[in-house]
């Protein structure tokens, strides 16, 4: 029961709602944050990981 109350406090109360909004808009609007991640992501390392994973099959 204590676990369920804790979960409710995190997602269902005013505190949880404010925390969610803070987390969503702290760095920027979602489309701005997505553009930053896309720009800064190491695509060569990502491709190498995919190739390594798929090469094993």
C-alpha atoms as a PDB file:
ATOM      1  CA  UNK A   1       0.000   0.000   0.000  1.00  0.00           C
ATOM      2  CA  UNK A   2       2.862   2.361   0.785  1.00  0.00           C
ATOM      3  CA  UNK A   3       4.355   1.745  -2.648  1.00  0.00           C
ATOM      4  CA  UNK A   4       1.055   2.585  -4.353  1.00  0.00           C
ATOM      5  CA  UNK A   5       0.763   5.783  -2.326  1.00  0.00           C
ATOM      6  CA  UNK A   6       4.285   6.767  -3.319  1.00  0.00           C
ATOM      7  CA  UNK A   7       3.512   6.131  -6.989  1.00  0.00           C
ATOM      8  CA  UNK A   8       0.346   8.227  -6.689  1.00  0.00           C
ATOM      9  CA  UNK A   9       2.322  11.044  -5.083  1.00  0.00           C
ATOM     10  CA  UNK A  10       4.763  10.996  -7.983  1.00  0.00           C
ATOM     11  CA  UNK A  11       2.237  10.992 -10.820  1.00  0.00           C
ATOM     12  CA  UNK A  12      -1.206  11.873  -9.550  1.00  0.00           C
ATOM     13  CA  UNK A  13      -0.849  14.842  -7.249  1.00  0.00           C
ATOM     14  CA  UNK A  14      -0.185  18.521  -7.836  1.00  0.00           C
ATOM     15  CA  UNK A  15       3.451  17.951  -6.928  1.00  0.00           C
ATOM     16  CA  UNK A  16       3.752  15.243  -9.558  1.00  0.00           C
ATOM     17  CA  UNK A  17       2.130  17.429 -12.201  1.00  0.00           C
ATOM     18  CA  UNK A  18       4.449  20.336 -11.473  1.00  0.00           C
ATOM     19  CA  UNK A  19       7.483  18.074 -11.471  1.00  0.00           C
ATOM     20  CA  UNK A  20       6.465  16.605 -14.828  1.00  0.00           C
ATOM     21  CA  UNK A  21       6.115  20.069 -16.359  1.00  0.00           C
ATOM     22  CA  UNK A  22       9.438  21.146 -14.909  1.00  0.00           C
ATOM     23  CA  UNK A  23      11.157  18.102 -16.376  1.00  0.00           C
ATOM     24  CA  UNK A  24       9.498  18.634 -19.763  1.00  0.00           C
ATOM     25  CA  UNK A  25      10.358  22.323 -20.122  1.00  0.00           C
ATOM     26  CA  UNK A  26      13.548  22.734 -18.089  1.00  0.00           C
ATOM     27  CA  UNK A  27      16.012  22.605 -20.967  1.00  0.00           C
ATOM     28  CA  UNK A  28      13.702  23.860 -23.727  1.00  0.00           C
ATOM     29  CA  UNK A  29      10.557  23.061 -25.616  1.00  0.00           C
ATOM     30  CA  UNK A  30      10.525  19.468 -26.851  1.00  0.00           C
ATOM     31  CA  UNK A  31      11.217  20.281 -30.502  1.00  0.00           C
ATOM     32  CA  UNK A  32      14.220  22.423 -29.503  1.00  0.00           C
ATOM     33  CA  UNK A  33      15.587  19.677 -27.245  1.00  0.00           C
ATOM     34  CA  UNK A  34      15.103  17.133 -30.058  1.00  0.00           C
ATOM     35  CA  UNK A  35      17.048  19.322 -32.500  1.00  0.00           C
ATOM     36  CA  UNK A  36      19.897  19.681 -30.002  1.00  0.00           C
ATOM     37  CA  UNK A  37      20.101  15.929 -29.450  1.00  0.00           C
ATOM     38  CA  UNK A  38      19.989  15.264 -33.186  1.00  0.00           C
ATOM     39  CA  UNK A  39      22.785  17.766 -33.806  1.00  0.00           C
ATOM     40  CA  UNK A  40      25.071  16.537 -31.017  1.00  0.00           C
ATOM     41  CA  UNK A  41      24.546  12.797 -31.362  1.00  0.00           C
ATOM     42  CA  UNK A  42      27.604  10.807 -32.483  1.00  0.00           C
ATOM     43  CA  UNK A  43      26.061   9.209 -35.563  1.00  0.00           C
ATOM     44  CA  UNK A  44      29.236   7.319 -36.535  1.00  0.00           C
ATOM     45  CA  UNK A  45      29.323   5.598 -33.156  1.00  0.00           C
ATOM     46  CA  UNK A  46      25.619   4.736 -33.449  1.00  0.00           C
ATOM     47  CA  UNK A  47      26.058   3.268 -36.924  1.00  0.00           C
ATOM     48  CA  UNK A  48      29.060   1.236 -35.736  1.00  0.00           C
ATOM     49  CA  UNK A  49      26.991  -0.175 -32.882  1.00  0.00           C
ATOM     50  CA  UNK A  50      24.193  -1.199 -35.259  1.00  0.00           C
ATOM     51  CA  UNK A  51      26.646  -2.772 -37.672  1.00  0.00           C
ATOM     52  CA  UNK A  52      28.313  -4.690 -34.831  1.00  0.00           C
ATOM     53  CA  UNK A  53      24.964  -5.957 -33.541  1.00  0.00           C
ATOM     54  CA  UNK A  54      23.618  -6.918 -36.963  1.00  0.00           C
ATOM     55  CA  UNK A  55      26.937  -8.413 -38.063  1.00  0.00           C
ATOM     56  CA  UNK A  56      26.624 -11.119 -35.455  1.00  0.00           C
ATOM     57  CA  UNK A  57      23.610 -12.675 -37.183  1.00  0.00           C
END
